[in-house]
Structures are given as structure tokens and as C-alpha cells.
């Protein structure tokens, strides 16, 4: 056996291994998407109940975040009385976005349900933040 054929065989083995890993990642992504689709209706209703009437009120969203995130999220409740000033709102908003940011959830190994809820909450907070910022100026 020549060095060339040995090298070619190793390259083929590495390629096969990489392809198998890619297929596994694709399968896991498909399963997660199927799980998200299954959970979507119930979770959308839950997020809607939580945000209803306060979509544009960043302070209200921040002070009730614990009700949608749950006790295992790592979020520490913030009373409405502590987000009076713009600086306090900004600080709370930054903490909240760190808590619900999709990349951070991935690092923490969150469940599909947690990821879905946090994705929706992240979008709602971002919209409310943009409105808050435009009103403050």
C-alpha cells in the first residue's frame, strides 16, 4: 500500500465522518423545528396573554417578565417602582435581553419550549424598547 492510497483513505474517512455529523445536526434541527411547530399554538396564546395590553409599555413588560419566563429562567423580578427613570429602564432592558437572547439560550442548553417563548419575548421587548427610545427623545 502506498502513502498516497493511505492518505486518500484517511481523507475519505474524514469526509464520511463529517457528512455523518452534518446529517445528525440536520436531523436534530428538523426534530427541533417539528417540536416548535407542535408547541407554537399553545405558547403563542401564553405569550399573548402575558403581553396583552402592555405591548407598547416597556416598563410593564419588564416588571411582569417573571410570569412568562418562569422560575428556572434565571430572571430576577423587577418591581414597577424600580423602573421609573430612563436609566433604570435601560439597565433592566439590557438584563432582560441577556436573559432571553437566542444565542445565550443556546449556550445554556434551553429546551425548545424555553427557546420559543424567549424568542417571542425578545421580539416584544425589542419593539417596546424602540418605541420607548423614540418617546424619550
C-alpha atoms as a PDB file:
ATOM      1  CA  UNK A   1       0.000   0.000   0.000  1.00  0.00           C
ATOM      2  CA  UNK A   2       1.390   3.370  -0.950  1.00  0.00           C
ATOM      3  CA  UNK A   3       1.408   6.513   1.117  1.00  0.00           C
ATOM      4  CA  UNK A   4      -0.847   8.102  -1.469  1.00  0.00           C
ATOM      5  CA  UNK A   5      -3.607   5.477  -1.154  1.00  0.00           C
ATOM      6  CA  UNK A   6      -3.351   5.597   2.657  1.00  0.00           C
ATOM      7  CA  UNK A   7      -3.708   9.368   2.586  1.00  0.00           C
ATOM      8  CA  UNK A   8      -6.674   9.081   0.221  1.00  0.00           C
ATOM      9  CA  UNK A   9      -8.359   6.532   2.511  1.00  0.00           C
ATOM     10  CA  UNK A  10      -7.888   8.806   5.558  1.00  0.00           C
ATOM     11  CA  UNK A  11      -9.379  11.723   3.633  1.00  0.00           C
ATOM     12  CA  UNK A  12     -12.377   9.584   2.650  1.00  0.00           C
ATOM     13  CA  UNK A  13     -12.873   8.512   6.269  1.00  0.00           C
ATOM     14  CA  UNK A  14     -12.737  12.126   7.462  1.00  0.00           C
ATOM     15  CA  UNK A  15     -15.209  13.115   4.763  1.00  0.00           C
ATOM     16  CA  UNK A  16     -17.588  10.300   5.740  1.00  0.00           C
ATOM     17  CA  UNK A  17     -17.344  11.280   9.404  1.00  0.00           C
ATOM     18  CA  UNK A  18     -18.015  14.964   8.623  1.00  0.00           C
ATOM     19  CA  UNK A  19     -21.001  14.015   6.466  1.00  0.00           C
ATOM     20  CA  UNK A  20     -22.439  11.808   9.224  1.00  0.00           C
ATOM     21  CA  UNK A  21     -22.058  14.654  11.747  1.00  0.00           C
ATOM     22  CA  UNK A  22     -23.750  17.103   9.369  1.00  0.00           C
ATOM     23  CA  UNK A  23     -26.632  14.665   8.807  1.00  0.00           C
ATOM     24  CA  UNK A  24     -27.046  14.274  12.578  1.00  0.00           C
ATOM     25  CA  UNK A  25     -27.132  18.068  13.080  1.00  0.00           C
ATOM     26  CA  UNK A  26     -29.708  18.369  10.277  1.00  0.00           C
ATOM     27  CA  UNK A  27     -31.853  15.643  11.840  1.00  0.00           C
ATOM     28  CA  UNK A  28     -31.709  17.338  15.258  1.00  0.00           C
ATOM     29  CA  UNK A  29     -32.640  20.684  13.676  1.00  0.00           C
ATOM     30  CA  UNK A  30     -35.608  19.057  11.907  1.00  0.00           C
ATOM     31  CA  UNK A  31     -36.780  17.475  15.164  1.00  0.00           C
ATOM     32  CA  UNK A  32     -36.485  20.798  16.995  1.00  0.00           C
ATOM     33  CA  UNK A  33     -38.472  22.554  14.258  1.00  0.00           C
ATOM     34  CA  UNK A  34     -41.189  19.902  14.438  1.00  0.00           C
ATOM     35  CA  UNK A  35     -41.321  20.347  18.236  1.00  0.00           C
ATOM     36  CA  UNK A  36     -41.528  24.151  17.820  1.00  0.00           C
ATOM     37  CA  UNK A  37     -44.419  23.776  15.385  1.00  0.00           C
ATOM     38  CA  UNK A  38     -46.223  21.438  17.785  1.00  0.00           C
ATOM     39  CA  UNK A  39     -45.791  23.844  20.714  1.00  0.00           C
ATOM     40  CA  UNK A  40     -46.401  27.067  18.769  1.00  0.00           C
ATOM     41  CA  UNK A  41     -50.151  27.408  19.183  1.00  0.00           C
ATOM     42  CA  UNK A  42     -50.243  26.924  22.949  1.00  0.00           C
ATOM     43  CA  UNK A  43     -47.135  29.017  23.571  1.00  0.00           C
ATOM     44  CA  UNK A  44     -48.314  31.834  21.296  1.00  0.00           C
ATOM     45  CA  UNK A  45     -51.506  32.023  23.352  1.00  0.00           C
ATOM     46  CA  UNK A  46     -49.480  32.100  26.575  1.00  0.00           C
ATOM     47  CA  UNK A  47     -47.231  34.907  25.327  1.00  0.00           C
ATOM     48  CA  UNK A  48     -50.289  36.809  24.058  1.00  0.00           C
ATOM     49  CA  UNK A  49     -51.985  36.551  27.469  1.00  0.00           C
ATOM     50  CA  UNK A  50     -48.850  37.865  29.180  1.00  0.00           C
ATOM     51  CA  UNK A  51     -48.252  40.769  26.789  1.00  0.00           C
ATOM     52  CA  UNK A  52     -51.866  41.724  26.125  1.00  0.00           C
ATOM     53  CA  UNK A  53     -52.458  45.402  26.816  1.00  0.00           C
ATOM     54  CA  UNK A  54     -48.831  46.203  27.526  1.00  0.00           C
ATOM     55  CA  UNK A  55     -47.130  45.582  24.160  1.00  0.00           C
ATOM     56  CA  UNK A  56     -46.041  49.204  23.937  1.00  0.00           C
ATOM     57  CA  UNK A  57     -45.266  49.616  27.638  1.00  0.00           C
ATOM     58  CA  UNK A  58     -41.670  48.537  28.223  1.00  0.00           C
ATOM     59  CA  UNK A  59     -41.883  49.165  31.967  1.00  0.00           C
ATOM     60  CA  UNK A  60     -44.931  46.897  32.309  1.00  0.00           C
ATOM     61  CA  UNK A  61     -43.309  44.163  30.217  1.00  0.00           C
ATOM     62  CA  UNK A  62     -40.122  44.273  32.292  1.00  0.00           C
ATOM     63  CA  UNK A  63     -41.946  44.246  35.618  1.00  0.00           C
ATOM     64  CA  UNK A  64     -44.009  41.173  34.677  1.00  0.00           C
ATOM     65  CA  UNK A  65     -41.359  39.173  32.829  1.00  0.00           C
ATOM     66  CA  UNK A  66     -41.174  36.544  35.589  1.00  0.00           C
ATOM     67  CA  UNK A  67     -44.736  35.444  34.776  1.00  0.00           C
ATOM     68  CA  UNK A  68     -43.844  34.344  31.250  1.00  0.00           C
ATOM     69  CA  UNK A  69     -40.261  33.162  31.821  1.00  0.00           C
ATOM     70  CA  UNK A  70     -40.871  31.031  34.878  1.00  0.00           C
ATOM     71  CA  UNK A  71     -38.748  30.404  37.974  1.00  0.00           C
ATOM     72  CA  UNK A  72     -35.963  28.426  36.267  1.00  0.00           C
ATOM     73  CA  UNK A  73     -35.107  31.175  33.761  1.00  0.00           C
ATOM     74  CA  UNK A  74     -32.654  32.998  35.998  1.00  0.00           C
ATOM     75  CA  UNK A  75     -34.697  36.203  35.745  1.00  0.00           C
ATOM     76  CA  UNK A  76     -34.973  38.195  38.957  1.00  0.00           C
ATOM     77  CA  UNK A  77     -38.317  40.066  39.137  1.00  0.00           C
ATOM     78  CA  UNK A  78     -38.113  43.850  38.941  1.00  0.00           C
ATOM     79  CA  UNK A  79     -40.882  45.827  40.658  1.00  0.00           C
ATOM     80  CA  UNK A  80     -42.516  48.518  38.538  1.00  0.00           C
ATOM     81  CA  UNK A  81     -41.405  51.092  41.107  1.00  0.00           C
ATOM     82  CA  UNK A  82     -37.765  50.318  40.244  1.00  0.00           C
ATOM     83  CA  UNK A  83     -38.095  51.164  36.550  1.00  0.00           C
ATOM     84  CA  UNK A  84     -39.223  54.760  36.834  1.00  0.00           C
ATOM     85  CA  UNK A  85     -36.175  56.541  35.405  1.00  0.00           C
ATOM     86  CA  UNK A  86     -34.951  56.076  31.848  1.00  0.00           C
ATOM     87  CA  UNK A  87     -31.597  54.856  33.147  1.00  0.00           C
ATOM     88  CA  UNK A  88     -33.291  52.158  35.252  1.00  0.00           C
ATOM     89  CA  UNK A  89     -35.417  51.073  32.277  1.00  0.00           C
ATOM     90  CA  UNK A  90     -32.324  50.854  30.092  1.00  0.00           C
ATOM     91  CA  UNK A  91     -30.491  48.760  32.688  1.00  0.00           C
ATOM     92  CA  UNK A  92     -33.463  46.417  33.171  1.00  0.00           C
ATOM     93  CA  UNK A  93     -33.944  46.098  29.414  1.00  0.00           C
ATOM     94  CA  UNK A  94     -30.299  45.107  28.933  1.00  0.00           C
ATOM     95  CA  UNK A  95     -30.580  42.485  31.698  1.00  0.00           C
ATOM     96  CA  UNK A  96     -33.786  41.146  30.156  1.00  0.00           C
ATOM     97  CA  UNK A  97     -32.331  40.869  26.665  1.00  0.00           C
ATOM     98  CA  UNK A  98     -29.348  38.960  28.041  1.00  0.00           C
ATOM     99  CA  UNK A  99     -31.753  36.590  29.773  1.00  0.00           C
ATOM    100  CA  UNK A 100     -33.897  35.907  26.669  1.00  0.00           C
ATOM    101  CA  UNK A 101     -31.378  36.344  23.833  1.00  0.00           C
ATOM    102  CA  UNK A 102     -31.472  33.323  21.487  1.00  0.00           C
ATOM    103  CA  UNK A 103     -27.669  32.910  21.452  1.00  0.00           C
ATOM    104  CA  UNK A 104     -27.480  32.922  25.252  1.00  0.00           C
ATOM    105  CA  UNK A 105     -30.242  30.307  25.464  1.00  0.00           C
ATOM    106  CA  UNK A 106     -28.346  28.070  23.079  1.00  0.00           C
ATOM    107  CA  UNK A 107     -25.271  28.319  25.321  1.00  0.00           C
ATOM    108  CA  UNK A 108     -27.336  27.429  28.395  1.00  0.00           C
ATOM    109  CA  UNK A 109     -28.942  24.442  26.674  1.00  0.00           C
ATOM    110  CA  UNK A 110     -32.518  25.680  26.991  1.00  0.00           C
ATOM    111  CA  UNK A 111     -35.450  23.456  25.995  1.00  0.00           C
ATOM    112  CA  UNK A 112     -37.352  24.010  22.755  1.00  0.00           C
ATOM    113  CA  UNK A 113     -40.242  25.478  24.767  1.00  0.00           C
ATOM    114  CA  UNK A 114     -37.960  27.945  26.591  1.00  0.00           C
ATOM    115  CA  UNK A 115     -36.283  28.963  23.343  1.00  0.00           C
ATOM    116  CA  UNK A 116     -39.637  29.569  21.659  1.00  0.00           C
ATOM    117  CA  UNK A 117     -41.046  31.681  24.483  1.00  0.00           C
ATOM    118  CA  UNK A 118     -37.838  33.670  24.847  1.00  0.00           C
ATOM    119  CA  UNK A 119     -37.688  34.330  21.115  1.00  0.00           C
ATOM    120  CA  UNK A 120     -41.197  35.824  21.221  1.00  0.00           C
ATOM    121  CA  UNK A 121     -40.429  37.789  24.411  1.00  0.00           C
ATOM    122  CA  UNK A 122     -37.175  39.070  22.881  1.00  0.00           C
ATOM    123  CA  UNK A 123     -39.074  40.430  19.858  1.00  0.00           C
ATOM    124  CA  UNK A 124     -41.751  42.066  22.049  1.00  0.00           C
ATOM    125  CA  UNK A 125     -39.120  43.693  24.272  1.00  0.00           C
ATOM    126  CA  UNK A 126     -37.202  44.949  21.247  1.00  0.00           C
ATOM    127  CA  UNK A 127     -40.333  46.558  19.768  1.00  0.00           C
ATOM    128  CA  UNK A 128     -41.241  48.142  23.114  1.00  0.00           C
ATOM    129  CA  UNK A 129     -37.637  49.362  23.512  1.00  0.00           C
ATOM    130  CA  UNK A 130     -37.713  51.040  20.111  1.00  0.00           C
ATOM    131  CA  UNK A 131     -40.976  52.771  20.991  1.00  0.00           C
ATOM    132  CA  UNK A 132     -39.632  53.763  24.429  1.00  0.00           C
ATOM    133  CA  UNK A 133     -36.498  55.240  22.859  1.00  0.00           C
ATOM    134  CA  UNK A 134     -38.425  57.245  20.294  1.00  0.00           C
ATOM    135  CA  UNK A 135     -40.702  58.668  23.020  1.00  0.00           C
ATOM    136  CA  UNK A 136     -37.778  59.566  25.296  1.00  0.00           C
ATOM    137  CA  UNK A 137     -36.083  61.739  22.681  1.00  0.00           C
END
